[in-house]
């Protein structure tokens, strides 16, 4: 999952004999009570039930298969979904680069029937790769199908930021065709925006031993001092081996948490600095960020393998308490099954929150709708697109969401006063063993196939029914309230710049973050700064300063632009 992306996963289902069932609501509202009838969607008559189809699915997220049930074919939710839609999914996930995997499937023309992948922007990264494939005819144009599947159609707009919808989701280059379906979008209310609780987390037993209050560590200087004390404190992991003072999850996710003192509440690639508008690559803060990161690394305060860790390796370090401090989301989903079970005294605490350059807490910044999200797209070669859309439409109905989140009525939950409530002994089993809940098929569909929805808003958990982990996560969210900025991102203004395509061509092979990471390990500060200025100069040569000046002029004529 930054990057602010949540890792998503699905399950594999085995076809079984069908009975005639039409999709109905569990107290539906907002016209999303269910799909249209199975007979209409499948072309079969009611006596034969929904048309059966086996579809391949790729979760194009590093570690995206972690939540798959052990029995991916016959868990209760998988069977119920198949009964309703006729669909059996054959699953694949990755543990490598998302961009690399997408490039591979498109280059080899082996696109699975359904793919869930990151879509942060169409001007770079995964989104650019997906858009290019759409324009080259490798993705199915969904436009002709949307009126037939109202719940899918709703996903195209609800909870999507207005500017992202205009410039990315419905880019003029796509000529009115729609190729991707937004996932993990809020339901349109501020309360429905998911709080990912990004921050720095430190082992509680170490803080206690050092007599340090987690809330007091809110600047980079205090953090460096804490890490130095940890290094000199002879602290051990659960195997009795020395801890690493700090680190991240896979591939350096998210080392930016260690550099948050040079961040602000930004929604664009541009910054106002010294009276003028600049592109983020040209900020003078980059030097301070680099030298601070080098200070951590050269003094042995940061995991030297952080930028190369695989998902498996990073989680092993987490599970053993190897990292005294880590930067990412809270990782409670993994920790409650590992370290918190074997060594509860090592439970991590949220530091700070850290302060940004304006003196405000570092927290999640959002627009009223989400800009950039996971998406689903279908292969242009899919033999039965209606089956895939029937599945997605059903899962985004009231009935489908209940099934995906709560399982089978009467078996795992009952409806009480119009809301689902866990059966007591089932809840205890799930609380004691989260893997059991996973293997029952619960929640694995929600991350990959659902949007325009918030389970927390629709089904708020009463305080007396929350697990200790849900309460812990809520305590982080309370300290890290989301900041909403209702503005149009300045990044979109640049697309009218006459030299925009030329700039993109010149910078297509430039990777600022990669060069920054390399500079972190240079032989000296001087060499590191030379490397930093080198990549900055390449952006200058490509016209980044002229581009920023253009955006500044365009923004001056409007009052709805945010940086």
Protein backbone atom coordinates (compact mmCIF):
# COMPACT_ATOMS: atom_id res chain seq x y z
CA UNK A 1 0.00 0.00 0.00
CA UNK A 2 1.94 4.99 0.14
CA UNK A 3 3.59 5.74 -1.47
CA UNK A 4 0.27 6.08 0.22
CA UNK A 5 -1.18 2.90 -1.09
CA UNK A 6 -3.03 0.17 0.82
CA UNK A 7 -2.09 -3.37 -0.31
CA UNK A 8 -5.10 -5.21 -1.53
CA UNK A 9 -5.93 -8.84 -2.07
CA UNK A 10 -8.55 -11.30 -3.35
CA UNK A 11 -9.40 -14.98 -3.31
CA UNK A 12 -9.74 -17.93 -5.66
CA UNK A 13 -13.14 -19.62 -5.99
CA UNK A 14 -14.25 -23.05 -7.26
CA UNK A 15 -17.48 -23.46 -9.24
CA UNK A 16 -20.32 -25.47 -7.60
CA UNK A 17 -23.87 -26.34 -8.75
CA UNK A 18 -26.14 -23.31 -8.82
CA UNK A 19 -29.68 -22.63 -7.74
CA UNK A 20 -31.83 -19.87 -9.19
CA UNK A 21 -31.28 -16.70 -7.22
CA UNK A 22 -31.76 -13.09 -8.12
CA UNK A 23 -29.66 -10.49 -6.38
CA UNK A 24 -31.62 -8.60 -3.73
CA UNK A 25 -30.84 -5.99 -1.17
CA UNK A 26 -30.33 -6.15 2.56
CA UNK A 27 -32.20 -2.92 3.20
CA UNK A 28 -30.85 -1.15 0.11
CA UNK A 29 -30.52 2.56 -0.48
CA UNK A 30 -29.07 4.95 -3.00
CA UNK A 31 -30.05 2.63 -5.85
CA UNK A 32 -27.29 0.17 -4.97
CA UNK A 33 -29.40 -2.62 -3.54
CA UNK A 34 -27.93 -5.15 -5.92
CA UNK A 35 -27.16 -5.90 -9.52
CA UNK A 36 -29.78 -6.18 -12.17
CA UNK A 37 -31.25 -9.64 -12.35
CA UNK A 38 -28.95 -12.54 -13.12
CA UNK A 39 -31.05 -13.46 -16.12
CA UNK A 40 -30.56 -10.00 -17.59
CA UNK A 41 -26.83 -10.00 -16.96
CA UNK A 42 -26.06 -13.55 -17.99
CA UNK A 43 -28.45 -14.20 -20.81
CA UNK A 44 -29.71 -17.35 -19.08
CA UNK A 45 -33.17 -18.06 -17.75
CA UNK A 46 -33.91 -18.13 -14.04
CA UNK A 47 -33.97 -21.93 -13.82
CA UNK A 48 -30.27 -22.20 -14.64
CA UNK A 49 -29.00 -19.44 -12.34
CA UNK A 50 -26.17 -17.05 -13.22
CA UNK A 51 -23.90 -18.00 -16.07
CA UNK A 52 -20.71 -19.59 -14.75
CA UNK A 53 -17.38 -18.06 -15.67
CA UNK A 54 -13.79 -18.54 -14.57
CA UNK A 55 -11.75 -15.34 -14.69
CA UNK A 56 -8.08 -14.64 -14.03
CA UNK A 57 -7.28 -11.86 -11.57
CA UNK A 58 -4.01 -10.06 -10.85
CA UNK A 59 -3.39 -8.02 -7.73
CA UNK A 60 -0.61 -5.81 -9.10
CA UNK A 61 0.56 -4.71 -5.66
CA UNK A 62 3.78 -5.73 -3.97
CA UNK A 63 2.60 -8.14 -1.27
CA UNK A 64 -0.99 -7.97 -2.49
CA UNK A 65 -1.66 -11.65 -1.90
CA UNK A 66 -0.93 -11.57 1.82
CA UNK A 67 -4.60 -11.60 2.79
CA UNK A 68 -5.72 -14.48 0.62
CA UNK A 69 -7.61 -17.21 2.50
CA UNK A 70 -5.82 -20.54 2.70
CA UNK A 71 -8.68 -22.21 0.86
CA UNK A 72 -9.11 -19.79 -1.98
CA UNK A 73 -11.84 -21.83 -3.64
CA UNK A 74 -14.25 -23.04 -0.98
CA UNK A 75 -14.22 -20.56 1.85
CA UNK A 76 -17.78 -19.50 2.78
CA UNK A 77 -17.62 -16.06 1.18
CA UNK A 78 -16.16 -17.40 -2.05
CA UNK A 79 -18.94 -19.95 -2.36
CA UNK A 80 -21.65 -17.38 -1.66
CA UNK A 81 -20.22 -14.92 -4.19
CA UNK A 82 -20.06 -17.65 -6.82
CA UNK A 83 -23.64 -18.63 -6.06
CA UNK A 84 -24.77 -15.05 -6.65
CA UNK A 85 -22.63 -14.18 -9.68
CA UNK A 86 -21.43 -17.46 -11.19
CA UNK A 87 -17.83 -16.20 -11.09
CA UNK A 88 -14.76 -18.19 -10.07
CA UNK A 89 -11.54 -16.20 -9.74
CA UNK A 90 -8.07 -17.55 -10.47
CA UNK A 91 -5.70 -15.36 -8.50
CA UNK A 92 -2.20 -14.06 -8.95
CA UNK A 93 -0.30 -11.53 -6.86
CA UNK A 94 3.19 -10.04 -6.98
CA UNK A 95 6.09 -9.36 -4.62
CA UNK A 96 8.00 -7.13 -7.03
CA UNK A 97 7.63 -3.70 -8.61
CA UNK A 98 4.12 -2.76 -9.68
CA UNK A 99 5.36 -0.77 -12.70
CA UNK A 100 7.60 -3.65 -13.73
CA UNK A 101 4.75 -6.15 -13.59
CA UNK A 102 2.38 -3.92 -15.55
CA UNK A 103 5.01 -3.30 -18.22
CA UNK A 104 5.58 -7.05 -18.45
CA UNK A 105 1.93 -8.04 -18.95
CA UNK A 106 1.39 -5.32 -21.53
CA UNK A 107 4.61 -5.98 -23.43
CA UNK A 108 3.92 -9.72 -23.55
CA UNK A 109 0.21 -9.20 -24.25
CA UNK A 110 -0.71 -11.48 -21.35
CA UNK A 111 -3.12 -9.22 -19.51
CA UNK A 112 -5.29 -11.17 -17.01
CA UNK A 113 -9.05 -10.79 -17.30
CA UNK A 114 -9.20 -8.47 -14.26
CA UNK A 115 -6.36 -6.41 -12.80
CA UNK A 116 -6.24 -4.27 -9.67
CA UNK A 117 -3.34 -1.80 -9.77
CA UNK A 118 -2.19 1.63 -8.51
CA UNK A 119 -3.44 4.67 -10.43
CA UNK A 120 -1.97 7.76 -8.79
CA UNK A 121 -1.64 9.84 -11.97
CA UNK A 122 -1.66 9.34 -15.73
CA UNK A 123 1.54 11.38 -16.19
CA UNK A 124 3.87 8.95 -14.45
CA UNK A 125 4.31 5.58 -12.76
CA UNK A 126 1.68 2.88 -12.94
CA UNK A 127 -1.07 5.22 -14.12
CA UNK A 128 0.92 6.31 -17.14
CA UNK A 129 1.59 2.68 -18.06
CA UNK A 130 -2.11 1.83 -17.73
CA UNK A 131 -3.24 4.84 -19.77
CA UNK A 132 -0.78 3.99 -22.53
CA UNK A 133 -2.10 0.42 -22.65
CA UNK A 134 -5.66 1.75 -22.86
CA UNK A 135 -4.79 4.00 -25.80
CA UNK A 136 -3.10 1.05 -27.52
CA UNK A 137 -6.25 -1.06 -27.24
CA UNK A 138 -5.15 -3.49 -24.53
CA UNK A 139 -7.86 -2.47 -22.04
CA UNK A 140 -11.60 -2.93 -22.43
CA UNK A 141 -13.62 0.24 -22.97
CA UNK A 142 -16.17 0.07 -20.17
CA UNK A 143 -18.36 2.91 -21.40
CA UNK A 144 -20.94 0.76 -23.26
CA UNK A 145 -21.51 -1.39 -20.15
CA UNK A 146 -22.01 1.23 -17.44
CA UNK A 147 -25.75 1.79 -17.79
CA UNK A 148 -26.24 -1.96 -17.38
CA UNK A 149 -24.32 -2.02 -14.10
CA UNK A 150 -25.46 0.93 -11.96
CA UNK A 151 -23.23 0.14 -8.98
CA UNK A 152 -20.17 0.11 -11.23
CA UNK A 153 -21.29 3.34 -12.85
CA UNK A 154 -21.54 5.00 -9.43
CA UNK A 155 -17.92 4.09 -8.69
CA UNK A 156 -16.82 6.29 -11.59
CA UNK A 157 -17.79 9.50 -9.80
CA UNK A 158 -18.59 9.07 -6.11
CA UNK A 159 -15.66 9.87 -3.83
CA UNK A 160 -13.42 10.92 -6.75
CA UNK A 161 -11.79 14.37 -6.59
CA UNK A 162 -13.18 16.73 -9.23
CA UNK A 163 -9.82 17.67 -10.71
CA UNK A 164 -8.58 14.07 -10.81
CA UNK A 165 -11.79 13.02 -12.54
CA UNK A 166 -11.40 15.72 -15.18
CA UNK A 167 -7.72 15.41 -15.96
CA UNK A 168 -6.82 11.79 -15.15
CA UNK A 169 -9.79 9.48 -14.88
CA UNK A 170 -11.48 11.13 -17.87
CA UNK A 171 -8.39 12.48 -19.59
CA UNK A 172 -9.17 14.24 -22.89
CA UNK A 173 -6.76 11.78 -24.53
CA UNK A 174 -9.26 9.00 -23.79
CA UNK A 175 -11.89 10.69 -26.00
CA UNK A 176 -14.77 10.02 -23.65
CA UNK A 177 -14.00 6.35 -23.10
CA UNK A 178 -13.61 4.94 -19.60
CA UNK A 179 -11.14 2.14 -18.98
CA UNK A 180 -10.59 1.99 -15.22
CA UNK A 181 -12.89 1.64 -12.21
CA UNK A 182 -11.89 3.53 -9.03
CA UNK A 183 -11.49 1.44 -5.89
CA UNK A 184 -11.07 2.35 -2.21
CA UNK A 185 -12.72 5.73 -2.72
CA UNK A 186 -14.71 7.36 0.11
CA UNK A 187 -18.48 7.53 0.05
CA UNK A 188 -18.49 11.27 -0.52
CA UNK A 189 -18.45 12.39 3.12
CA UNK A 190 -15.36 13.69 4.97
CA UNK A 191 -15.94 11.02 7.63
CA UNK A 192 -15.50 8.30 5.03
CA UNK A 193 -11.96 9.24 4.03
CA UNK A 194 -9.77 6.45 5.33
CA UNK A 195 -7.02 7.47 7.72
CA UNK A 196 -3.89 5.44 6.98
CA UNK A 197 -2.13 6.64 10.16
CA UNK A 198 1.25 7.20 8.59
CA UNK A 199 3.97 8.15 11.04
CA UNK A 200 6.97 6.98 13.05
CA UNK A 201 6.45 4.15 15.51
CA UNK A 202 8.88 3.18 18.30
CA UNK A 203 9.04 0.06 20.46
CA UNK A 204 7.32 0.86 23.74
CA UNK A 205 9.69 -1.16 25.93
CA UNK A 206 12.67 0.75 24.57
CA UNK A 207 10.98 4.12 25.17
CA UNK A 208 10.20 3.01 28.72
CA UNK A 209 13.78 1.90 29.34
CA UNK A 210 15.05 5.28 28.11
CA UNK A 211 12.38 7.16 30.08
CA UNK A 212 11.21 8.84 26.87
CA UNK A 213 7.65 10.04 26.30
CA UNK A 214 6.65 9.16 22.72
CA UNK A 215 4.67 12.39 22.32
CA UNK A 216 7.79 14.48 23.04
CA UNK A 217 9.60 13.21 19.94
CA UNK A 218 8.17 15.62 17.36
CA UNK A 219 11.18 17.04 15.48
CA UNK A 220 14.04 15.60 13.45
CA UNK A 221 16.56 16.74 16.05
CA UNK A 222 14.73 14.94 18.85
CA UNK A 223 14.36 11.87 16.65
CA UNK A 224 18.07 11.71 15.88
CA UNK A 225 18.84 12.05 19.59
CA UNK A 226 16.44 9.20 20.39
CA UNK A 227 17.97 6.96 17.72
CA UNK A 228 21.46 7.66 19.08
CA UNK A 229 20.33 6.64 22.56
CA UNK A 230 18.83 3.47 21.12
CA UNK A 231 22.06 2.64 19.30
CA UNK A 232 24.06 3.07 22.49
CA UNK A 233 21.52 1.28 24.66
CA UNK A 234 22.35 -2.32 23.77
CA UNK A 235 18.72 -3.18 22.99
CA UNK A 236 17.87 -6.58 21.52
CA UNK A 237 15.19 -8.15 19.32
CA UNK A 238 13.23 -11.23 20.42
CA UNK A 239 16.15 -13.45 19.37
CA UNK A 240 18.61 -11.58 21.54
CA UNK A 241 20.29 -9.91 18.57
CA UNK A 242 21.01 -6.15 18.42
CA UNK A 243 18.16 -3.99 17.16
CA UNK A 244 18.42 -1.68 14.17
CA UNK A 245 17.70 1.82 15.49
CA UNK A 246 15.32 2.65 12.64
CA UNK A 247 14.07 1.46 9.26
CA UNK A 248 11.10 1.02 6.96
CA UNK A 249 8.98 -1.59 5.29
CA UNK A 250 9.78 -2.94 1.80
CA UNK A 251 11.71 -0.83 -0.72
CA UNK A 252 12.11 2.07 1.68
CA UNK A 253 8.39 2.51 2.30
CA UNK A 254 8.04 4.98 3.90
CA UNK A 255 11.36 6.71 4.55
CA UNK A 256 9.72 10.11 3.95
CA UNK A 257 8.33 9.81 7.49
CA UNK A 258 11.86 10.48 8.73
CA UNK A 259 11.98 13.67 6.65
CA UNK A 260 8.57 15.09 7.47
CA UNK A 261 10.01 18.23 9.06
CA UNK A 262 10.55 19.55 5.53
CA UNK A 263 7.01 18.75 4.39
CA UNK A 264 3.84 20.82 4.45
CA UNK A 265 0.13 20.46 3.69
CA UNK A 266 0.65 20.08 -0.07
CA UNK A 267 -1.71 18.79 -2.77
CA UNK A 268 0.47 19.53 -5.81
CA UNK A 269 3.99 19.21 -7.20
CA UNK A 270 4.62 22.93 -6.72
CA UNK A 271 5.80 24.94 -3.73
CA UNK A 272 5.90 28.63 -2.89
CA UNK A 273 9.47 29.39 -1.83
CA UNK A 274 11.29 32.70 -1.48
CA UNK A 275 8.48 34.61 -3.16
CA UNK A 276 8.16 32.45 -6.24
CA UNK A 277 6.63 29.18 -7.35
CA UNK A 278 8.97 26.23 -7.79
CA UNK A 279 8.68 22.55 -8.65
CA UNK A 280 9.31 20.28 -5.64
CA UNK A 281 12.51 18.91 -7.20
CA UNK A 282 14.08 22.38 -6.97
CA UNK A 283 13.29 23.07 -3.32
CA UNK A 284 16.21 24.13 -1.15
CA UNK A 285 14.76 21.72 1.41
CA UNK A 286 16.13 18.83 -0.65
CA UNK A 287 19.66 19.55 0.58
CA UNK A 288 18.58 19.53 4.22
CA UNK A 289 16.59 16.33 3.69
CA UNK A 290 19.57 14.63 2.05
CA UNK A 291 22.07 15.65 4.70
CA UNK A 292 19.74 14.52 7.49
CA UNK A 293 19.19 11.15 5.85
CA UNK A 294 22.93 10.75 5.42
CA UNK A 295 23.41 11.60 9.09
CA UNK A 296 21.13 8.74 10.08
CA UNK A 297 22.80 6.28 7.70
CA UNK A 298 26.46 7.17 8.32
CA UNK A 299 25.95 7.13 12.09
CA UNK A 300 24.39 3.68 11.99
CA UNK A 301 20.96 4.94 12.96
CA UNK A 302 19.05 3.70 9.89
CA UNK A 303 18.75 0.26 8.31
CA UNK A 304 21.26 0.15 5.40
CA UNK A 305 19.02 -2.45 3.71
CA UNK A 306 15.83 -0.38 4.00
CA UNK A 307 15.73 0.60 0.33
CA UNK A 308 16.29 -2.96 -0.87
CA UNK A 309 14.22 -4.94 1.63
CA UNK A 310 11.61 -7.24 0.15
CA UNK A 311 8.15 -7.31 1.68
CA UNK A 312 9.00 -10.63 3.35
CA UNK A 313 12.28 -9.43 4.81
CA UNK A 314 10.81 -6.19 6.11
CA UNK A 315 7.95 -7.98 7.84
CA UNK A 316 10.38 -10.44 9.40
CA UNK A 317 12.27 -7.53 10.93
CA UNK A 318 8.99 -6.11 12.18
CA UNK A 319 7.79 -9.42 13.60
CA UNK A 320 10.97 -9.89 15.63
CA UNK A 321 11.18 -6.34 16.97
CA UNK A 322 14.35 -5.84 14.97
CA UNK A 323 13.41 -2.26 14.13
CA UNK A 324 13.39 -0.03 17.19
CA UNK A 325 11.64 2.67 15.13
CA UNK A 326 9.94 2.31 11.76
CA UNK A 327 8.26 4.74 9.38
CA UNK A 328 5.08 3.62 7.60
CA UNK A 329 1.50 2.87 8.56
CA UNK A 330 0.95 1.36 12.02
CA UNK A 331 1.21 -2.21 10.64
CA UNK A 332 -1.13 -3.47 13.35
CA UNK A 333 -2.60 -6.06 10.98
CA UNK A 334 0.76 -7.85 10.88
CA UNK A 335 2.01 -7.05 14.35
CA UNK A 336 -1.05 -8.34 16.20
CA UNK A 337 -0.38 -11.78 14.73
CA UNK A 338 3.36 -11.78 15.44
CA UNK A 339 5.29 -9.51 17.80
CA UNK A 340 2.30 -8.35 19.83
CA UNK A 341 1.37 -11.96 20.45
CA UNK A 342 4.83 -13.20 21.44
CA UNK A 343 6.18 -10.04 23.08
CA UNK A 344 3.34 -7.65 23.97
CA UNK A 345 5.72 -5.50 26.01
CA UNK A 346 7.36 -4.47 22.72
CA UNK A 347 4.18 -2.86 21.36
CA UNK A 348 5.08 0.13 19.18
CA UNK A 349 3.98 3.64 20.11
CA UNK A 350 3.30 6.55 17.74
CA UNK A 351 5.98 9.20 18.08
CA UNK A 352 4.95 12.84 18.15
CA UNK A 353 3.09 13.41 15.89
CA UNK A 354 6.03 14.99 14.13
CA UNK A 355 5.90 18.69 13.18
CA UNK A 356 6.11 19.89 9.59
CA UNK A 357 7.94 23.02 8.39
CA UNK A 358 4.94 25.20 9.27
CA UNK A 359 4.88 23.87 12.83
CA UNK A 360 1.71 21.84 12.27
CA UNK A 361 1.49 18.13 12.92
CA UNK A 362 2.42 15.87 10.03
CA UNK A 363 -0.73 14.13 8.93
CA UNK A 364 -2.70 12.94 5.93
CA UNK A 365 -3.80 15.69 3.54
CA UNK A 366 -6.81 15.06 1.32
CA UNK A 367 -9.25 16.81 -0.97
CA UNK A 368 -12.99 16.17 -0.50
CA UNK A 369 -12.70 13.36 -3.03
CA UNK A 370 -9.72 11.10 -3.48
CA UNK A 371 -7.03 11.94 -6.05
CA UNK A 372 -5.32 8.74 -7.10
CA UNK A 373 -6.44 5.33 -5.94
CA UNK A 374 -6.34 1.65 -6.82
CA UNK A 375 -8.29 0.83 -9.95
CA UNK A 376 -9.67 -2.21 -11.69
CA UNK A 377 -9.35 -2.63 -15.42
CA UNK A 378 -10.34 -5.46 -17.73
CA UNK A 379 -8.35 -6.98 -20.54
CA UNK A 380 -9.55 -6.10 -24.02
CA UNK A 381 -9.37 -9.84 -24.70
CA UNK A 382 -11.63 -10.90 -21.83
CA UNK A 383 -14.12 -13.44 -23.16
CA UNK A 384 -16.90 -12.62 -20.72
CA UNK A 385 -16.76 -8.96 -19.64
CA UNK A 386 -20.31 -9.20 -18.30
CA UNK A 387 -19.19 -11.81 -15.79
CA UNK A 388 -16.48 -9.52 -14.44
CA UNK A 389 -18.79 -6.51 -14.28
CA UNK A 390 -21.56 -8.61 -12.75
CA UNK A 391 -19.14 -9.58 -9.98
CA UNK A 392 -18.00 -5.98 -9.35
CA UNK A 393 -21.57 -4.68 -9.48
CA UNK A 394 -22.75 -7.26 -6.97
CA UNK A 395 -19.90 -6.66 -4.54
CA UNK A 396 -20.73 -2.96 -4.57
CA UNK A 397 -24.37 -3.57 -3.69
CA UNK A 398 -25.67 -3.49 -0.11
CA UNK A 399 -25.88 -7.26 -0.11
CA UNK A 400 -22.44 -7.78 -1.62
CA UNK A 401 -20.75 -5.44 0.83
CA UNK A 402 -22.36 -7.20 3.77
CA UNK A 403 -21.12 -10.52 2.47
CA UNK A 404 -17.57 -9.31 1.83
CA UNK A 405 -17.17 -7.60 5.21
CA UNK A 406 -19.35 -9.73 7.49
CA UNK A 407 -19.68 -13.14 5.85
CA UNK A 408 -22.76 -15.34 6.08
CA UNK A 409 -25.82 -14.04 7.94
CA UNK A 410 -26.65 -16.32 10.86
CA UNK A 411 -23.22 -17.91 10.76
CA UNK A 412 -20.83 -15.05 11.50
CA UNK A 413 -23.25 -12.19 12.14
CA UNK A 414 -26.88 -11.23 12.76
CA UNK A 415 -28.71 -8.04 11.92
CA UNK A 416 -29.55 -6.02 15.05
CA UNK A 417 -31.56 -2.81 14.68
CA UNK A 418 -30.74 -2.74 10.99
CA UNK A 419 -26.98 -3.15 11.43
CA UNK A 420 -24.76 -6.25 11.34
CA UNK A 421 -23.36 -7.50 14.64
CA UNK A 422 -20.88 -10.32 15.12
CA UNK A 423 -22.13 -13.45 16.80
CA UNK A 424 -20.36 -13.38 20.17
CA UNK A 425 -18.41 -16.63 20.03
CA UNK A 426 -17.45 -16.02 16.39
CA UNK A 427 -16.16 -12.55 17.23
CA UNK A 428 -14.04 -13.96 20.03
CA UNK A 429 -12.51 -16.51 17.65
CA UNK A 430 -11.77 -13.80 15.09
CA UNK A 431 -10.32 -11.48 17.72
CA UNK A 432 -8.11 -14.22 19.11
CA UNK A 433 -6.99 -15.40 15.68
CA UNK A 434 -7.20 -12.87 12.80
CA UNK A 435 -6.05 -15.57 10.38
CA UNK A 436 -9.27 -17.44 11.06
CA UNK A 437 -11.26 -14.43 9.95
CA UNK A 438 -9.11 -14.22 6.85
CA UNK A 439 -9.60 -17.90 6.04
CA UNK A 440 -13.36 -17.56 6.36
CA UNK A 441 -13.05 -15.24 3.35
CA UNK A 442 -13.79 -12.00 5.16
CA UNK A 443 -12.38 -8.67 3.98
CA UNK A 444 -10.26 -10.02 1.10
CA UNK A 445 -12.74 -8.78 -1.50
CA UNK A 446 -13.27 -5.35 -0.01
CA UNK A 447 -9.84 -3.92 -0.79
CA UNK A 448 -9.71 -5.02 -4.40
CA UNK A 449 -13.30 -4.72 -5.60
CA UNK A 450 -15.03 -1.95 -3.65
CA UNK A 451 -15.22 1.81 -3.88
CA UNK A 452 -17.49 4.75 -3.02
CA UNK A 453 -17.98 3.25 0.41
CA UNK A 454 -16.84 3.39 4.02
CA UNK A 455 -17.45 0.47 6.34
CA UNK A 456 -16.55 2.67 9.32
CA UNK A 457 -19.31 5.16 8.45
CA UNK A 458 -21.90 2.58 7.45
CA UNK A 459 -21.21 0.17 10.29
CA UNK A 460 -19.48 2.05 13.12
CA UNK A 461 -18.26 -0.36 15.76
CA UNK A 462 -19.60 0.42 19.24
CA UNK A 463 -16.78 1.23 21.60
CA UNK A 464 -17.53 -1.74 23.84
CA UNK A 465 -17.25 -4.10 20.88
CA UNK A 466 -13.92 -2.88 19.53
CA UNK A 467 -10.89 -5.11 19.86
CA UNK A 468 -7.83 -3.76 21.59
CA UNK A 469 -6.27 -3.36 18.13
CA UNK A 470 -9.20 -1.40 16.76
CA UNK A 471 -9.03 0.85 19.78
CA UNK A 472 -5.30 1.27 19.28
CA UNK A 473 -5.73 2.18 15.61
CA UNK A 474 -8.48 4.64 16.54
CA UNK A 475 -6.15 6.26 19.08
CA UNK A 476 -3.64 6.91 16.30
CA UNK A 477 -6.33 8.40 14.05
CA UNK A 478 -7.43 10.71 16.85
CA UNK A 479 -3.89 12.09 17.10
CA UNK A 480 -3.50 12.29 13.30
CA UNK A 481 -6.70 13.99 12.10
CA UNK A 482 -7.00 14.30 8.33
CA UNK A 483 -6.55 17.76 6.87
CA UNK A 484 -8.95 18.48 4.00
CA UNK A 485 -8.03 21.11 1.41
CA UNK A 486 -10.88 21.89 -0.98
CA UNK A 487 -8.77 23.22 -3.83
CA UNK A 488 -7.79 22.26 -7.36
CA UNK A 489 -4.24 20.94 -7.46
CA UNK A 490 -1.84 23.31 -9.23
CA UNK A 491 -0.33 20.25 -10.90
CA UNK A 492 -3.21 20.13 -13.35
CA UNK A 493 -2.54 23.63 -14.69
CA UNK A 494 0.70 22.55 -16.30
CA UNK A 495 -1.07 20.30 -18.78
CA UNK A 496 -1.95 23.32 -20.91
CA UNK A 497 1.68 24.42 -21.08
CA UNK A 498 2.72 24.30 -24.76
CA UNK A 499 6.00 22.62 -23.87
CA UNK A 500 4.46 20.07 -21.51
CA UNK A 501 4.92 17.06 -23.76
CA UNK A 502 8.46 18.12 -24.58
CA UNK A 503 9.21 18.39 -20.85
CA UNK A 504 7.73 14.96 -20.20
CA UNK A 505 9.82 13.43 -22.97
CA UNK A 506 12.99 14.99 -21.57
CA UNK A 507 12.28 13.84 -18.02
CA UNK A 508 10.83 10.41 -18.81
CA UNK A 509 14.10 8.70 -17.92
CA UNK A 510 14.80 10.85 -14.85
CA UNK A 511 14.08 9.42 -11.43
CA UNK A 512 14.64 12.00 -8.72
CA UNK A 513 13.89 9.66 -5.83
CA UNK A 514 16.29 7.03 -7.12
CA UNK A 515 19.09 9.58 -7.41
CA UNK A 516 18.26 10.93 -3.96
CA UNK A 517 18.54 7.45 -2.48
CA UNK A 518 21.88 6.87 -4.20
CA UNK A 519 23.15 10.17 -2.85
CA UNK A 520 22.26 9.00 0.66
CA UNK A 521 25.06 6.45 0.35
CA UNK A 522 27.68 8.64 -1.35
CA UNK A 523 31.23 8.65 0.05
CA UNK A 524 30.95 12.21 1.36
CA UNK A 525 28.47 15.00 1.86
CA UNK A 526 30.08 16.97 -0.95
CA UNK A 527 29.67 14.07 -3.37
CA UNK A 528 26.10 13.56 -2.22
CA UNK A 529 25.23 17.21 -2.78
CA UNK A 530 26.88 17.07 -6.19
CA UNK A 531 24.64 14.12 -7.11
CA UNK A 532 21.57 15.98 -5.85
CA UNK A 533 22.41 19.11 -7.83
CA UNK A 534 23.09 16.95 -10.84
CA UNK A 535 19.56 15.57 -10.96
CA UNK A 536 18.13 19.02 -10.17
CA UNK A 537 20.10 20.49 -13.07
CA UNK A 538 18.73 17.86 -15.41
CA UNK A 539 15.22 18.95 -14.51
CA UNK A 540 16.25 22.57 -15.05
CA UNK A 541 17.64 21.73 -18.49
CA UNK A 542 14.31 20.10 -19.32
CA UNK A 543 12.51 23.37 -18.51
CA UNK A 544 11.20 22.84 -14.97
CA UNK A 545 11.68 26.52 -14.02
CA UNK A 546 9.80 27.75 -17.09
CA UNK A 547 7.07 25.23 -16.30
CA UNK A 548 6.71 26.53 -12.73
CA UNK A 549 6.53 30.11 -13.99
CA UNK A 550 3.72 29.12 -16.38
CA UNK A 551 1.76 27.44 -13.58
CA UNK A 552 2.23 30.53 -11.40
CA UNK A 553 0.78 32.77 -14.13
CA UNK A 554 -2.19 30.46 -14.66
CA UNK A 555 -2.86 30.19 -10.92
CA UNK A 556 -2.85 33.97 -10.52
CA UNK A 557 -6.06 34.21 -12.54
CA UNK A 558 -7.93 31.77 -10.29
CA UNK A 559 -8.88 31.62 -6.63
CA UNK A 560 -9.37 27.84 -6.33
CA UNK A 561 -5.80 26.62 -6.77
CA UNK A 562 -3.94 24.78 -4.02
CA UNK A 563 -0.26 23.96 -3.73
